[in-house]
Amino acid sequence: MTLEQLQLAAEQGRLQRLALLSHEGSLYLVEIQVDGQRALLHGDGLPVPRHFRSLEDVRRALADVPWPTIELVHLNVADEAGATGPVAGSADAAAMRLTVPLHP
């Protein structure tokens, strides 16, 4: 899902959840839930997920998205490696979760 699609879904009231997934300790991915379906935020025209370096990077990128919070999800190292959990790297895997304001 692109940033433009995310913004449109939020404006239409279809956005259900945003999660910031800690990936490999220093990269973050934005997981979006719209209409019961989850997707990762992609860059425009790129087939790979967009990577961020910090929560502040995400806040800058999503500054125009009308959504109040984002769930910060730190996955277990074993989950990232695919050793445990229902879907390695997904926000459903056992993890530490903290809901923070998207717009400080």
PDB file of N, CA and C in Angstrom:
ATOM      1  N   MET A   1       0.838  -1.171   0.000  1.00  0.00           N
ATOM      2  CA  MET A   1       0.000   0.000   0.000  1.00  0.00           C
ATOM      3  C   MET A   1       0.891   1.245   0.000  1.00  0.00           C
ATOM      4  N   THR A   2       0.546   2.184  -0.809  1.00  0.00           N
ATOM      5  CA  THR A   2       1.328   3.419  -0.891  1.00  0.00           C
ATOM      6  C   THR A   2       0.808   4.431   0.134  1.00  0.00           C
ATOM      7  N   LEU A   3       1.574   5.482   0.339  1.00  0.00           N
ATOM      8  CA  LEU A   3       1.181   6.541   1.253  1.00  0.00           C
ATOM      9  C   LEU A   3      -0.130   7.184   0.804  1.00  0.00           C
ATOM     10  N   GLU A   4      -0.295   7.379  -0.488  1.00  0.00           N
ATOM     11  CA  GLU A   4      -1.520   7.971  -1.004  1.00  0.00           C
ATOM     12  C   GLU A   4      -2.730   7.063  -0.724  1.00  0.00           C
ATOM     13  N   GLN A   5      -2.566   5.758  -0.902  1.00  0.00           N
ATOM     14  CA  GLN A   5      -3.652   4.822  -0.609  1.00  0.00           C
ATOM     15  C   GLN A   5      -3.987   4.817   0.879  1.00  0.00           C
ATOM     16  N   LEU A   6      -2.950   4.895   1.714  1.00  0.00           N
ATOM     17  CA  LEU A   6      -3.158   4.947   3.160  1.00  0.00           C
ATOM     18  C   LEU A   6      -3.946   6.203   3.535  1.00  0.00           C
ATOM     19  N   GLN A   7      -3.541   7.325   2.998  1.00  0.00           N
ATOM     20  CA  GLN A   7      -4.219   8.586   3.298  1.00  0.00           C
ATOM     21  C   GLN A   7      -5.686   8.527   2.878  1.00  0.00           C
ATOM     22  N   LEU A   8      -5.947   8.009   1.688  1.00  0.00           N
ATOM     23  CA  LEU A   8      -7.319   7.889   1.196  1.00  0.00           C
ATOM     24  C   LEU A   8      -8.151   6.983   2.106  1.00  0.00           C
ATOM     25  N   ALA A   9      -7.594   5.846   2.501  1.00  0.00           N
ATOM     26  CA  ALA A   9      -8.307   4.915   3.387  1.00  0.00           C
ATOM     27  C   ALA A   9      -8.634   5.582   4.725  1.00  0.00           C
ATOM     28  N   ALA A  10      -7.690   6.352   5.263  1.00  0.00           N
ATOM     29  CA  ALA A  10      -7.935   7.057   6.526  1.00  0.00           C
ATOM     30  C   ALA A  10      -9.034   8.100   6.365  1.00  0.00           C
ATOM     31  N   GLU A  11      -8.998   8.849   5.281  1.00  0.00           N
ATOM     32  CA  GLU A  11     -10.012   9.883   5.031  1.00  0.00           C
ATOM     33  C   GLU A  11     -11.402   9.281   4.824  1.00  0.00           C
ATOM     34  N   GLN A  12     -11.457   8.076   4.248  1.00  0.00           N
ATOM     35  CA  GLN A  12     -12.727   7.401   4.000  1.00  0.00           C
ATOM     36  C   GLN A  12     -13.230   6.623   5.217  1.00  0.00           C
ATOM     37  N   GLY A  13     -12.435   6.586   6.289  1.00  0.00           N
ATOM     38  CA  GLY A  13     -12.838   5.866   7.491  1.00  0.00           C
ATOM     39  C   GLY A  13     -12.631   4.364   7.407  1.00  0.00           C
ATOM     40  N   ARG A  14     -11.837   3.899   6.460  1.00  0.00           N
ATOM     41  CA  ARG A  14     -11.595   2.467   6.275  1.00  0.00           C
ATOM     42  C   ARG A  14     -10.359   1.973   7.024  1.00  0.00           C
ATOM     43  N   LEU A  15      -9.493   2.892   7.458  1.00  0.00           N
ATOM     44  CA  LEU A  15      -8.285   2.516   8.190  1.00  0.00           C
ATOM     45  C   LEU A  15      -8.680   2.018   9.572  1.00  0.00           C
ATOM     46  N   GLN A  16      -8.165   0.854   9.957  1.00  0.00           N
ATOM     47  CA  GLN A  16      -8.502   0.264  11.242  1.00  0.00           C
ATOM     48  C   GLN A  16      -7.342   0.302  12.229  1.00  0.00           C
ATOM     49  N   ARG A  17      -6.109   0.264  11.722  1.00  0.00           N
ATOM     50  CA  ARG A  17      -4.969   0.171  12.626  1.00  0.00           C
ATOM     51  C   ARG A  17      -3.684   0.487  11.889  1.00  0.00           C
ATOM     52  N   LEU A  18      -2.750   1.133  12.597  1.00  0.00           N
ATOM     53  CA  LEU A  18      -1.384   1.334  12.123  1.00  0.00           C
ATOM     54  C   LEU A  18      -0.444   0.718  13.140  1.00  0.00           C
ATOM     55  N   ALA A  19       0.562   0.011  12.671  1.00  0.00           N
ATOM     56  CA  ALA A  19       1.570  -0.564  13.560  1.00  0.00           C
ATOM     57  C   ALA A  19       2.946  -0.280  12.982  1.00  0.00           C
ATOM     58  N   LEU A  20       3.866   0.055  13.866  1.00  0.00           N
ATOM     59  CA  LEU A  20       5.265   0.277  13.490  1.00  0.00           C
ATOM     60  C   LEU A  20       6.040  -0.934  13.981  1.00  0.00           C
ATOM     61  N   LEU A  21       6.472  -1.783  13.049  1.00  0.00           N
ATOM     62  CA  LEU A  21       7.148  -3.028  13.390  1.00  0.00           C
ATOM     63  C   LEU A  21       8.653  -2.832  13.439  1.00  0.00           C
ATOM     64  N   SER A  22       9.239  -3.151  14.578  1.00  0.00           N
ATOM     65  CA  SER A  22      10.689  -3.123  14.703  1.00  0.00           C
ATOM     66  C   SER A  22      11.217  -4.333  13.950  1.00  0.00           C
ATOM     67  N   HIS A  23      12.108  -4.100  12.999  1.00  0.00           N
ATOM     68  CA  HIS A  23      12.616  -5.176  12.154  1.00  0.00           C
ATOM     69  C   HIS A  23      14.138  -5.177  12.225  1.00  0.00           C
ATOM     70  N   GLU A  24      14.712  -6.254  12.680  1.00  0.00           N
ATOM     71  CA  GLU A  24      16.164  -6.413  12.790  1.00  0.00           C
ATOM     72  C   GLU A  24      16.804  -5.354  13.679  1.00  0.00           C
ATOM     73  N   GLY A  25      16.028  -4.810  14.622  1.00  0.00           N
ATOM     74  CA  GLY A  25      16.577  -3.922  15.622  1.00  0.00           C
ATOM     75  C   GLY A  25      16.816  -2.486  15.209  1.00  0.00           C
ATOM     76  N   SER A  26      17.038  -2.208  13.931  1.00  0.00           N
ATOM     77  CA  SER A  26      17.340  -0.832  13.537  1.00  0.00           C
ATOM     78  C   SER A  26      16.498  -0.332  12.366  1.00  0.00           C
ATOM     79  N   LEU A  27      15.657  -1.171  11.837  1.00  0.00           N
ATOM     80  CA  LEU A  27      14.756  -0.775  10.748  1.00  0.00           C
ATOM     81  C   LEU A  27      13.320  -0.942  11.219  1.00  0.00           C
ATOM     82  N   TYR A  28      12.462  -0.092  10.701  1.00  0.00           N
ATOM     83  CA  TYR A  28      11.053  -0.159  11.054  1.00  0.00           C
ATOM     84  C   TYR A  28      10.210  -0.224   9.794  1.00  0.00           C
ATOM     85  N   LEU A  29       9.124  -1.000   9.867  1.00  0.00           N
ATOM     86  CA  LEU A  29       8.166  -1.127   8.777  1.00  0.00           C
ATOM     87  C   LEU A  29       6.804  -0.694   9.296  1.00  0.00           C
ATOM     88  N   VAL A  30       6.001  -0.071   8.453  1.00  0.00           N
ATOM     89  CA  VAL A  30       4.659   0.331   8.842  1.00  0.00           C
ATOM     90  C   VAL A  30       3.675  -0.701   8.295  1.00  0.00           C
ATOM     91  N   GLU A  31       2.931  -1.317   9.230  1.00  0.00           N
ATOM     92  CA  GLU A  31       1.885  -2.263   8.857  1.00  0.00           C
ATOM     93  C   GLU A  31       0.537  -1.552   8.978  1.00  0.00           C
ATOM     94  N   ILE A  32      -0.283  -1.703   7.957  1.00  0.00           N
ATOM     95  CA  ILE A  32      -1.557  -1.012   7.851  1.00  0.00           C
ATOM     96  C   ILE A  32      -2.668  -2.048   7.810  1.00  0.00           C
ATOM     97  N   GLN A  33      -3.740  -1.799   8.543  1.00  0.00           N
ATOM     98  CA  GLN A  33      -4.917  -2.657   8.435  1.00  0.00           C
ATOM     99  C   GLN A  33      -6.071  -1.821   7.916  1.00  0.00           C
ATOM    100  N   VAL A  34      -6.568  -2.222   6.749  1.00  0.00           N
ATOM    101  CA  VAL A  34      -7.688  -1.552   6.088  1.00  0.00           C
ATOM    102  C   VAL A  34      -8.693  -2.627   5.686  1.00  0.00           C
ATOM    103  N   ASP A  35      -9.949  -2.417   6.065  1.00  0.00           N
ATOM    104  CA  ASP A  35     -11.022  -3.362   5.698  1.00  0.00           C
ATOM    105  C   ASP A  35     -10.668  -4.797   6.082  1.00  0.00           C
ATOM    106  N   GLY A  36     -10.015  -4.974   7.229  1.00  0.00           N
ATOM    107  CA  GLY A  36      -9.681  -6.310   7.718  1.00  0.00           C
ATOM    108  C   GLY A  36      -8.452  -6.937   7.080  1.00  0.00           C
ATOM    109  N   GLN A  37      -7.838  -6.276   6.120  1.00  0.00           N
ATOM    110  CA  GLN A  37      -6.659  -6.789   5.432  1.00  0.00           C
ATOM    111  C   GLN A  37      -5.424  -6.006   5.869  1.00  0.00           C
ATOM    112  N   ARG A  38      -4.309  -6.724   6.063  1.00  0.00           N
ATOM    113  CA  ARG A  38      -3.068  -6.067   6.444  1.00  0.00           C
ATOM    114  C   ARG A  38      -2.121  -5.969   5.257  1.00  0.00           C
ATOM    115  N   ALA A  39      -1.377  -4.868   5.234  1.00  0.00           N
ATOM    116  CA  ALA A  39      -0.376  -4.646   4.190  1.00  0.00           C
ATOM    117  C   ALA A  39       0.731  -3.791   4.781  1.00  0.00           C
ATOM    118  N   LEU A  40       1.897  -3.858   4.164  1.00  0.00           N
ATOM    119  CA  LEU A  40       3.003  -2.998   4.555  1.00  0.00           C
ATOM    120  C   LEU A  40       3.014  -1.763   3.669  1.00  0.00           C
ATOM    121  N   LEU A  41       3.457  -0.652   4.236  1.00  0.00           N
ATOM    122  CA  LEU A  41       3.587   0.582   3.476  1.00  0.00           C
ATOM    123  C   LEU A  41       4.744   0.434   2.506  1.00  0.00           C
ATOM    124  N   HIS A  42       4.471   0.699   1.225  1.00  0.00           N
ATOM    125  CA  HIS A  42       5.491   0.640   0.175  1.00  0.00           C
ATOM    126  C   HIS A  42       5.791   2.037  -0.323  1.00  0.00           C
ATOM    127  N   GLY A  43       6.972   2.183  -0.882  1.00  0.00           N
ATOM    128  CA  GLY A  43       7.308   3.442  -1.538  1.00  0.00           C
ATOM    129  C   GLY A  43       6.577   3.520  -2.862  1.00  0.00           C
ATOM    130  N   ASP A  44       6.409   4.701  -3.376  1.00  0.00           N
ATOM    131  CA  ASP A  44       5.719   4.875  -4.653  1.00  0.00           C
ATOM    132  C   ASP A  44       6.432   4.118  -5.762  1.00  0.00           C
ATOM    133  N   GLY A  45       5.721   3.209  -6.414  1.00  0.00           N
ATOM    134  CA  GLY A  45       6.267   2.473  -7.542  1.00  0.00           C
ATOM    135  C   GLY A  45       7.248   1.375  -7.184  1.00  0.00           C
ATOM    136  N   LEU A  46       7.462   1.135  -5.887  1.00  0.00           N
ATOM    137  CA  LEU A  46       8.412   0.098  -5.470  1.00  0.00           C
ATOM    138  C   LEU A  46       7.672  -1.109  -4.923  1.00  0.00           C
ATOM    139  N   PRO A  47       8.087  -2.325  -5.300  1.00  0.00           N
ATOM    140  CA  PRO A  47       7.400  -3.529  -4.821  1.00  0.00           C
ATOM    141  C   PRO A  47       7.873  -3.993  -3.445  1.00  0.00           C
ATOM    142  N   VAL A  48       8.795  -3.256  -2.826  1.00  0.00           N
ATOM    143  CA  VAL A  48       9.334  -3.666  -1.522  1.00  0.00           C
ATOM    144  C   VAL A  48       8.839  -2.702  -0.439  1.00  0.00           C
ATOM    145  N   PRO A  49       8.739  -3.189   0.806  1.00  0.00           N
ATOM    146  CA  PRO A  49       8.285  -2.313   1.892  1.00  0.00           C
ATOM    147  C   PRO A  49       9.222  -1.125   2.101  1.00  0.00           C
ATOM    148  N   ARG A  50       8.635  -0.017   2.491  1.00  0.00           N
ATOM    149  CA  ARG A  50       9.415   1.186   2.805  1.00  0.00           C
ATOM    150  C   ARG A  50      10.000   1.038   4.204  1.00  0.00           C
ATOM    151  N   HIS A  51      11.296   1.265   4.330  1.00  0.00           N
ATOM    152  CA  HIS A  51      11.988   1.156   5.607  1.00  0.00           C
ATOM    153  C   HIS A  51      12.156   2.526   6.243  1.00  0.00           C
ATOM    154  N   PHE A  52      12.047   2.551   7.557  1.00  0.00           N
ATOM    155  CA  PHE A  52      12.249   3.774   8.325  1.00  0.00           C
ATOM    156  C   PHE A  52      13.319   3.507   9.375  1.00  0.00           C
ATOM    157  N   ARG A  53      13.971   4.566   9.843  1.00  0.00           N
ATOM    158  CA  ARG A  53      15.027   4.454  10.851  1.00  0.00           C
ATOM    159  C   ARG A  53      14.544   4.744  12.261  1.00  0.00           C
ATOM    160  N   SER A  54      13.376   5.404  12.394  1.00  0.00           N
ATOM    161  CA  SER A  54      12.911   5.768  13.727  1.00  0.00           C
ATOM    162  C   SER A  54      11.427   6.109  13.693  1.00  0.00           C
ATOM    163  N   LEU A  55      10.845   6.224  14.883  1.00  0.00           N
ATOM    164  CA  LEU A  55       9.469   6.667  15.007  1.00  0.00           C
ATOM    165  C   LEU A  55       9.319   8.075  14.446  1.00  0.00           C
ATOM    166  N   GLU A  56      10.307   8.914  14.654  1.00  0.00           N
ATOM    167  CA  GLU A  56      10.242  10.281  14.131  1.00  0.00           C
ATOM    168  C   GLU A  56      10.216  10.302  12.605  1.00  0.00           C
ATOM    169  N   ASP A  57      10.959   9.404  11.960  1.00  0.00           N
ATOM    170  CA  ASP A  57      10.903   9.304  10.496  1.00  0.00           C
ATOM    171  C   ASP A  57       9.488   8.951  10.031  1.00  0.00           C
ATOM    172  N   VAL A  58       8.858   8.032  10.742  1.00  0.00           N
ATOM    173  CA  VAL A  58       7.497   7.619  10.399  1.00  0.00           C
ATOM    174  C   VAL A  58       6.531   8.782  10.612  1.00  0.00           C
ATOM    175  N   ARG A  59       6.673   9.480  11.726  1.00  0.00           N
ATOM    176  CA  ARG A  59       5.791  10.621  11.995  1.00  0.00           C
ATOM    177  C   ARG A  59       5.902  11.677  10.901  1.00  0.00           C
ATOM    178  N   ARG A  60       7.116  11.941  10.432  1.00  0.00           N
ATOM    179  CA  ARG A  60       7.294  12.920   9.347  1.00  0.00           C
ATOM    180  C   ARG A  60       6.616  12.432   8.067  1.00  0.00           C
ATOM    181  N   ALA A  61       6.800  11.151   7.744  1.00  0.00           N
ATOM    182  CA  ALA A  61       6.234  10.603   6.506  1.00  0.00           C
ATOM    183  C   ALA A  61       4.706  10.563   6.544  1.00  0.00           C
ATOM    184  N   LEU A  62       4.140  10.331   7.738  1.00  0.00           N
ATOM    185  CA  LEU A  62       2.687  10.194   7.870  1.00  0.00           C
ATOM    186  C   LEU A  62       2.035  11.447   8.453  1.00  0.00           C
ATOM    187  N   ALA A  63       2.705  12.582   8.351  1.00  0.00           N
ATOM    188  CA  ALA A  63       2.219  13.826   8.959  1.00  0.00           C
ATOM    189  C   ALA A  63       0.823  14.224   8.483  1.00  0.00           C
ATOM    190  N   ASP A  64       0.465  13.896   7.254  1.00  0.00           N
ATOM    191  CA  ASP A  64      -0.836  14.293   6.706  1.00  0.00           C
ATOM    192  C   ASP A  64      -1.909  13.225   6.845  1.00  0.00           C
ATOM    193  N   VAL A  65      -1.562  12.092   7.448  1.00  0.00           N
ATOM    194  CA  VAL A  65      -2.539  11.011   7.607  1.00  0.00           C
ATOM    195  C   VAL A  65      -3.393  11.305   8.844  1.00  0.00           C
ATOM    196  N   PRO A  66      -4.702  11.417   8.678  1.00  0.00           N
ATOM    197  CA  PRO A  66      -5.575  11.730   9.805  1.00  0.00           C
ATOM    198  C   PRO A  66      -5.871  10.501  10.670  1.00  0.00           C
ATOM    199  N   TRP A  67      -4.909  10.155  11.512  1.00  0.00           N
ATOM    200  CA  TRP A  67      -5.043   8.992  12.395  1.00  0.00           C
ATOM    201  C   TRP A  67      -4.334   9.328  13.698  1.00  0.00           C
ATOM    202  N   PRO A  68      -4.918   9.014  14.854  1.00  0.00           N
ATOM    203  CA  PRO A  68      -4.357   9.504  16.113  1.00  0.00           C
ATOM    204  C   PRO A  68      -3.145   8.749  16.664  1.00  0.00           C
ATOM    205  N   THR A  69      -3.084   7.433  16.468  1.00  0.00           N
ATOM    206  CA  THR A  69      -2.036   6.654  17.134  1.00  0.00           C
ATOM    207  C   THR A  69      -1.388   5.651  16.190  1.00  0.00           C
ATOM    208  N   ILE A  70      -0.247   5.148  16.641  1.00  0.00           N
ATOM    209  CA  ILE A  70       0.421   4.041  15.967  1.00  0.00           C
ATOM    210  C   ILE A  70       0.921   3.106  17.054  1.00  0.00           C
ATOM    211  N   GLU A  71       0.815   1.818  16.822  1.00  0.00           N
ATOM    212  CA  GLU A  71       1.247   0.825  17.802  1.00  0.00           C
ATOM    213  C   GLU A  71       2.686   0.428  17.494  1.00  0.00           C
ATOM    214  N   LEU A  72       3.586   0.736  18.417  1.00  0.00           N
ATOM    215  CA  LEU A  72       4.985   0.360  18.275  1.00  0.00           C
ATOM    216  C   LEU A  72       5.126  -1.089  18.712  1.00  0.00           C
ATOM    217  N   VAL A  73       5.617  -1.953  17.825  1.00  0.00           N
ATOM    218  CA  VAL A  73       5.698  -3.384  18.083  1.00  0.00           C
ATOM    219  C   VAL A  73       7.154  -3.828  17.975  1.00  0.00           C
ATOM    220  N   HIS A  74       7.712  -4.268  19.110  1.00  0.00           N
ATOM    221  CA  HIS A  74       9.068  -4.816  19.122  1.00  0.00           C
ATOM    222  C   HIS A  74       8.944  -6.323  19.167  1.00  0.00           C
ATOM    223  N   LEU A  75       9.327  -6.972  18.077  1.00  0.00           N
ATOM    224  CA  LEU A  75       9.226  -8.426  17.974  1.00  0.00           C
ATOM    225  C   LEU A  75      10.366  -9.106  18.712  1.00  0.00           C
ATOM    226  N   ASN A  76      10.133 -10.339  19.121  1.00  0.00           N
ATOM    227  CA  ASN A  76      11.202 -11.143  19.708  1.00  0.00           C
ATOM    228  C   ASN A  76      12.192 -11.520  18.621  1.00  0.00           C
ATOM    229  N   VAL A  77      13.467 -11.636  18.969  1.00  0.00           N
ATOM    230  CA  VAL A  77      14.496 -11.987  17.992  1.00  0.00           C
ATOM    231  C   VAL A  77      14.165 -13.308  17.318  1.00  0.00           C
ATOM    232  N   ALA A  78      13.692 -14.292  18.085  1.00  0.00           N
ATOM    233  CA  ALA A  78      13.346 -15.593  17.503  1.00  0.00           C
ATOM    234  C   ALA A  78      12.205 -15.460  16.503  1.00  0.00           C
ATOM    235  N   ASP A  79      11.260 -14.553  16.767  1.00  0.00           N
ATOM    236  CA  ASP A  79      10.159 -14.343  15.839  1.00  0.00           C
ATOM    237  C   ASP A  79      10.657 -13.766  14.522  1.00  0.00           C
ATOM    238  N   GLU A  80      11.599 -12.817  14.589  1.00  0.00           N
ATOM    239  CA  GLU A  80      12.139 -12.225  13.371  1.00  0.00           C
ATOM    240  C   GLU A  80      12.854 -13.261  12.526  1.00  0.00           C
ATOM    241  N   ALA A  81      13.468 -14.242  13.188  1.00  0.00           N
ATOM    242  CA  ALA A  81      14.192 -15.288  12.470  1.00  0.00           C
ATOM    243  C   ALA A  81      13.243 -16.346  11.922  1.00  0.00           C
ATOM    244  N   GLY A  82      11.974 -16.275  12.313  1.00  0.00           N
ATOM    245  CA  GLY A  82      11.005 -17.246  11.816  1.00  0.00           C
ATOM    246  C   GLY A  82      10.921 -18.499  12.655  1.00  0.00           C
ATOM    247  N   ALA A  83      11.549 -18.501  13.838  1.00  0.00           N
ATOM    248  CA  ALA A  83      11.575 -19.697  14.666  1.00  0.00           C
ATOM    249  C   ALA A  83      10.262 -19.940  15.385  1.00  0.00           C
ATOM    250  N   THR A  84       9.531 -18.874  15.723  1.00  0.00           N
ATOM    251  CA  THR A  84       8.274 -19.030  16.447  1.00  0.00           C
ATOM    252  C   THR A  84       7.268 -18.029  15.935  1.00  0.00           C
ATOM    253  N   GLY A  85       6.066 -18.113  16.461  1.00  0.00           N
ATOM    254  CA  GLY A  85       5.036 -17.132  16.124  1.00  0.00           C
ATOM    255  C   GLY A  85       4.259 -17.544  14.898  1.00  0.00           C
ATOM    256  N   PRO A  86       3.028 -17.040  14.772  1.00  0.00           N
ATOM    257  CA  PRO A  86       2.166 -17.423  13.661  1.00  0.00           C
ATOM    258  C   PRO A  86       2.681 -16.946  12.311  1.00  0.00           C
ATOM    259  N   VAL A  87       3.182 -15.722  12.247  1.00  0.00           N
ATOM    260  CA  VAL A  87       3.731 -15.184  11.009  1.00  0.00           C
ATOM    261  C   VAL A  87       4.952 -14.372  11.386  1.00  0.00           C
ATOM    262  N   ALA A  88       6.119 -14.845  11.009  1.00  0.00           N
ATOM    263  CA  ALA A  88       7.339 -14.124  11.366  1.00  0.00           C
ATOM    264  C   ALA A  88       7.274 -12.709  10.829  1.00  0.00           C
ATOM    265  N   GLY A  89       7.536 -11.740  11.696  1.00  0.00           N
ATOM    266  CA  GLY A  89       7.542 -10.353  11.277  1.00  0.00           C
ATOM    267  C   GLY A  89       6.194  -9.673  11.301  1.00  0.00           C
ATOM    268  N   SER A  90       5.122 -10.401  11.614  1.00  0.00           N
ATOM    269  CA  SER A  90       3.812  -9.743  11.649  1.00  0.00           C
ATOM    270  C   SER A  90       3.536  -9.217  13.040  1.00  0.00           C
ATOM    271  N   ALA A  91       2.601  -8.303  13.145  1.00  0.00           N
ATOM    272  CA  ALA A  91       2.250  -7.728  14.430  1.00  0.00           C
ATOM    273  C   ALA A  91       1.491  -8.720  15.305  1.00  0.00           C
ATOM    274  N   ASP A  92       1.115  -9.891  14.780  1.00  0.00           N
ATOM    275  CA  ASP A  92       0.436 -10.902  15.572  1.00  0.00           C
ATOM    276  C   ASP A  92       1.399 -11.734  16.407  1.00  0.00           C
ATOM    277  N   ALA A  93       2.670 -11.765  16.044  1.00  0.00           N
ATOM    278  CA  ALA A  93       3.645 -12.560  16.776  1.00  0.00           C
ATOM    279  C   ALA A  93       3.793 -11.996  18.187  1.00  0.00           C
ATOM    280  N   ALA A  94       4.177 -12.871  19.144  1.00  0.00           N
ATOM    281  CA  ALA A  94       4.387 -12.423  20.519  1.00  0.00           C
ATOM    282  C   ALA A  94       5.395 -11.290  20.514  1.00  0.00           C
ATOM    283  N   ALA A  95       5.021 -10.186  21.142  1.00  0.00           N
ATOM    284  CA  ALA A  95       5.876  -9.012  21.063  1.00  0.00           C
ATOM    285  C   ALA A  95       5.514  -8.022  22.159  1.00  0.00           C
ATOM    286  N   MET A  96       6.411  -7.063  22.376  1.00  0.00           N
ATOM    287  CA  MET A  96       6.116  -5.936  23.243  1.00  0.00           C
ATOM    288  C   MET A  96       5.383  -4.898  22.398  1.00  0.00           C
ATOM    289  N   ARG A  97       4.292  -4.353  22.925  1.00  0.00           N
ATOM    290  CA  ARG A  97       3.481  -3.388  22.181  1.00  0.00           C
ATOM    291  C   ARG A  97       3.289  -2.128  23.014  1.00  0.00           C
ATOM    292  N   LEU A  98       3.365  -0.995  22.360  1.00  0.00           N
ATOM    293  CA  LEU A  98       3.166   0.287  23.015  1.00  0.00           C
ATOM    294  C   LEU A  98       2.452   1.204  22.034  1.00  0.00           C
ATOM    295  N   THR A  99       1.291   1.724  22.428  1.00  0.00           N
ATOM    296  CA  THR A  99       0.560   2.651  21.575  1.00  0.00           C
ATOM    297  C   THR A  99       1.038   4.071  21.868  1.00  0.00           C
ATOM    298  N   VAL A 100       1.447   4.764  20.812  1.00  0.00           N
ATOM    299  CA  VAL A 100       1.967   6.133  20.949  1.00  0.00           C
ATOM    300  C   VAL A 100       1.222   7.049  19.975  1.00  0.00           C
ATOM    301  N   PRO A 101       1.199   8.349  20.273  1.00  0.00           N
ATOM    302  CA  PRO A 101       0.556   9.288  19.345  1.00  0.00           C
ATOM    303  C   PRO A 101       1.301   9.323  18.013  1.00  0.00           C
ATOM    304  N   LEU A 102       0.565   9.326  16.926  1.00  0.00           N
ATOM    305  CA  LEU A 102       1.183   9.462  15.612  1.00  0.00           C
ATOM    306  C   LEU A 102       1.614  10.909  15.387  1.00  0.00           C
ATOM    307  N   HIS A 103       0.839  11.828  15.923  1.00  0.00           N
ATOM    308  CA  HIS A 103       1.155  13.257  15.772  1.00  0.00           C
ATOM    309  C   HIS A 103       1.398  13.836  17.168  1.00  0.00           C
ATOM    310  N   PRO A 104       2.665  14.066  17.518  1.00  0.00           N
ATOM    311  CA  PRO A 104       2.962  14.549  18.885  1.00  0.00           C
ATOM    312  C   PRO A 104       2.418  15.947  19.145  1.00  0.00           C
TER     313      PRO A 104
END
